[in-house]
Structure formats: structure tokens, C-alpha cells
C-alpha atoms as a PDB file:
ATOM      1  CA  MET A   1      21.895  14.747 -22.987  1.00  0.00           C
ATOM      2  CA  PRO A   2      21.131  11.661 -25.099  1.00  0.00           C
ATOM      3  CA  LYS A   3      23.324  11.298 -28.157  1.00  0.00           C
ATOM      4  CA  SER A   4      21.242   9.028 -30.356  1.00  0.00           C
ATOM      5  CA  ILE A   5      17.637   9.113 -31.469  1.00  0.00           C
ATOM      6  CA  SER A   6      16.870   5.860 -29.668  1.00  0.00           C
ATOM      7  CA  ALA A   7      18.405   7.226 -26.452  1.00  0.00           C
ATOM      8  CA  GLU A   8      16.199  10.325 -26.738  1.00  0.00           C
ATOM      9  CA  LYS A   9      13.123   8.146 -27.157  1.00  0.00           C
ATOM     10  CA  ALA A  10      14.154   5.950 -24.223  1.00  0.00           C
ATOM     11  CA  ALA A  11      14.494   9.078 -22.080  1.00  0.00           C
ATOM     12  CA  ARG A  12      10.987  10.238 -23.086  1.00  0.00           C
ATOM     13  CA  VAL A  13       9.507   6.821 -22.326  1.00  0.00           C
ATOM     14  CA  ALA A  14      11.310   6.634 -18.985  1.00  0.00           C
ATOM     15  CA  GLU A  15       9.958  10.045 -17.999  1.00  0.00           C
ATOM     16  CA  ARG A  16       6.383   9.029 -18.859  1.00  0.00           C
ATOM     17  CA  LYS A  17       6.727   5.830 -16.841  1.00  0.00           C
ATOM     18  CA  ARG A  18       8.295   7.702 -13.920  1.00  0.00           C
ATOM     19  CA  LEU A  19       5.352  10.101 -13.735  1.00  0.00           C
ATOM     20  CA  ARG A  20       2.810   7.272 -14.018  1.00  0.00           C
ATOM     21  CA  ASN A  21       4.571   5.233 -11.332  1.00  0.00           C
ATOM     22  CA  ARG A  22       4.838   8.264  -9.054  1.00  0.00           C
ATOM     23  CA  SER A  23       1.073   8.743  -9.240  1.00  0.00           C
ATOM     24  CA  ARG A  24       0.421   5.058  -8.539  1.00  0.00           C
ATOM     25  CA  LYS A  25       2.817   4.959  -5.592  1.00  0.00           C
ATOM     26  CA  SER A  26       1.332   8.112  -4.118  1.00  0.00           C
ATOM     27  CA  ALA A  27      -2.189   6.685  -4.267  1.00  0.00           C
ATOM     28  CA  THR A  28      -1.009   3.451  -2.658  1.00  0.00           C
ATOM     29  CA  LYS A  29       0.720   5.352   0.148  1.00  0.00           C
ATOM     30  CA  THR A  30      -2.538   7.220   0.754  1.00  0.00           C
ATOM     31  CA  HIS A  31      -4.406   3.895   0.996  1.00  0.00           C
ATOM     32  CA  LEU A  32      -1.772   2.599   3.412  1.00  0.00           C
ATOM     33  CA  THR A  33      -1.903   5.661   5.651  1.00  0.00           C
ATOM     34  CA  ARG A  34      -5.703   5.600   5.739  1.00  0.00           C
ATOM     35  CA  ALA A  35      -5.757   1.917   6.650  1.00  0.00           C
ATOM     36  CA  GLU A  36      -3.193   2.382   9.420  1.00  0.00           C
ATOM     37  CA  LYS A  37      -5.157   5.288  10.904  1.00  0.00           C
ATOM     38  CA  LEU A  38      -8.376   3.256  10.890  1.00  0.00           C
ATOM     39  CA  ILE A  39      -6.574   0.325  12.509  1.00  0.00           C
ATOM     40  CA  ALA A  40      -5.127   2.576  15.213  1.00  0.00           C
ATOM     41  CA  ALA A  41      -8.577   4.084  15.894  1.00  0.00           C
ATOM     42  CA  ASN A  42     -10.100   0.565  16.005  1.00  0.00           C
ATOM     43  CA  GLN A  43     -12.734   1.495  13.407  1.00  0.00           C
ATOM     44  CA  PRO A  44     -14.967  -1.146  11.793  1.00  0.00           C
ATOM     45  CA  GLU A  45     -14.075   0.200   8.309  1.00  0.00           C
ATOM     46  CA  ALA A  46     -10.466  -0.867   8.881  1.00  0.00           C
ATOM     47  CA  GLN A  47     -10.988  -4.303   7.346  1.00  0.00           C
ATOM     48  CA  GLN A  48     -12.241  -2.871   4.040  1.00  0.00           C
ATOM     49  CA  ALA A  49      -9.423  -0.306   4.031  1.00  0.00           C
ATOM     50  CA  VAL A  50      -6.871  -3.088   4.542  1.00  0.00           C
ATOM     51  CA  MET A  51      -8.331  -5.081   1.649  1.00  0.00           C
ATOM     52  CA  ASP A  52      -8.240  -1.994  -0.596  1.00  0.00           C
ATOM     53  CA  THR A  53      -4.628  -1.336   0.372  1.00  0.00           C
ATOM     54  CA  ILE A  54      -3.581  -4.916  -0.329  1.00  0.00           C
ATOM     55  CA  SER A  55      -5.270  -4.718  -3.706  1.00  0.00           C
ATOM     56  CA  ALA A  56      -3.469  -1.460  -4.524  1.00  0.00           C
ATOM     57  CA  LEU A  57      -0.114  -2.940  -3.471  1.00  0.00           C
ATOM     58  CA  ASP A  58      -0.675  -6.026  -5.625  1.00  0.00           C
ATOM     59  CA  ARG A  59      -1.668  -3.854  -8.579  1.00  0.00           C
ATOM     60  CA  ASP A  60       1.457  -1.684  -8.229  1.00  0.00           C
ATOM     61  CA  ALA A  61       3.676  -4.740  -8.036  1.00  0.00           C
ATOM     62  CA  LYS A  62       2.025  -6.244 -11.104  1.00  0.00           C
ATOM     63  CA  LYS A  63       2.448  -3.011 -13.075  1.00  0.00           C
ATOM     64  CA  GLY A  64       6.077  -2.670 -11.981  1.00  0.00           C
ATOM     65  CA  ALA A  65       5.680   0.540  -9.983  1.00  0.00           C
ATOM     66  CA  ILE A  66       7.118  -1.203  -6.909  1.00  0.00           C
ATOM     67  CA  HIS A  67       9.063  -4.421  -6.466  1.00  0.00           C
ATOM     68  CA  ARG A  68       6.994  -7.486  -5.577  1.00  0.00           C
ATOM     69  CA  ASN A  69       8.989  -8.092  -2.406  1.00  0.00           C
ATOM     70  CA  THR A  70       8.325  -4.510  -1.311  1.00  0.00           C
ATOM     71  CA  ALA A  71       4.607  -5.086  -1.825  1.00  0.00           C
ATOM     72  CA  ALA A  72       4.776  -8.350   0.114  1.00  0.00           C
ATOM     73  CA  ARG A  73       6.673  -6.702   2.988  1.00  0.00           C
ATOM     74  CA  ARG A  74       4.188  -3.827   3.237  1.00  0.00           C
ATOM     75  CA  LYS A  75       1.213  -6.210   3.121  1.00  0.00           C
ATOM     76  CA  SER A  76       2.758  -8.350   5.825  1.00  0.00           C
ATOM     77  CA  ARG A  77       3.378  -5.396   8.123  1.00  0.00           C
ATOM     78  CA  LEU A  78      -0.122  -4.043   7.539  1.00  0.00           C
ATOM     79  CA  MET A  79      -1.748  -7.399   8.290  1.00  0.00           C
ATOM     80  CA  LYS A  80       0.387  -7.762  11.410  1.00  0.00           C
ATOM     81  CA  LYS A  81      -0.901  -4.407  12.692  1.00  0.00           C
ATOM     82  CA  PHE A  82      -4.466  -5.287  11.738  1.00  0.00           C
ATOM     83  CA  ASN A  83      -4.396  -8.679  13.455  1.00  0.00           C
ATOM     84  CA  GLN A  84      -2.808  -7.269  16.619  1.00  0.00           C
ATOM     85  CA  ALA A  85      -5.440  -4.535  16.778  1.00  0.00           C
ATOM     86  CA  LYS A  86      -8.183  -7.107  16.240  1.00  0.00           C
ATOM     87  CA  LEU A  87      -6.824  -9.272  19.069  1.00  0.00           C
ATOM     88  CA  SER A  88      -6.489  -6.359  21.471  1.00  0.00           C
ATOM     89  CA  GLY A  89      -9.986  -5.194  20.531  1.00  0.00           C
ATOM     90  CA  SER A  90     -11.491  -8.593  21.278  1.00  0.00           C
ATOM     91  CA  ALA A  91      -9.557  -8.777  24.548  1.00  0.00           C
ATOM     92  CA  GLN A  92     -10.974  -5.405  25.582  1.00  0.00           C
ATOM     93  CA  ARG A  93     -14.522  -6.541  24.797  1.00  0.00           C
ATOM     94  CA  LYS A  94     -14.035  -9.663  26.940  1.00  0.00           C
ATOM     95  CA  THR A  95     -12.804  -7.623  29.896  1.00  0.00           C
ATOM     96  CA  ASP A  96     -15.679  -5.163  29.480  1.00  0.00           C
ATOM     97  CA  LYS A  97     -18.218  -8.018  29.634  1.00  0.00           C
ATOM     98  CA  ALA A  98     -16.639  -9.579  32.740  1.00  0.00           C
END
């Protein structure tokens, strides 16, 4: 229990920020999951989903919901999956044509 008035206010502010950040992080995780599923299914919408996810990660990092290095790590891993799927997809198309 906070002892001073300023500590009570700080607790109220922290709770508001926690709830706001939780909502932001949840939405970003949803973007990430959707993008990964589209990548795995080799869908053409995967590129737009990846761009939306990167944008959401950057926004969360800018707002302070997640650390900037966490955002960078998640973007890097997502792009790695996307690029590998793109390469394997183009390799399959070449073998299908041959």
C-alpha cells in the first residue's frame, strides 16, 4: 500500500500504462502469429502481413511497450523466416518448371 499521495498517484499511473501496454503487446503478438502462419502456408499475403507486423513492433518499441532490442530481435527472426520461405518457394517453382 502506498504511503504518500505521490506514491498513490504513481501506482495509478503505472496501472494505466500497464493495461495500455498489455493491449498493445497483445495486438502485436496477434500480428506476429498471423504473419508466421501465412509464411508457413506460403501465402501471397505474407509479405503485407510481415510489413504490418514490423510496423506494429516499431510502434510498440517507440511507445515503450517493449524494449527496442526485443523489437529488433523479433523483426530479425520474422524476416529470417520470411526470406527462407521465399527462397524455398522459388526453388520449388524452378523444380516444377524443369
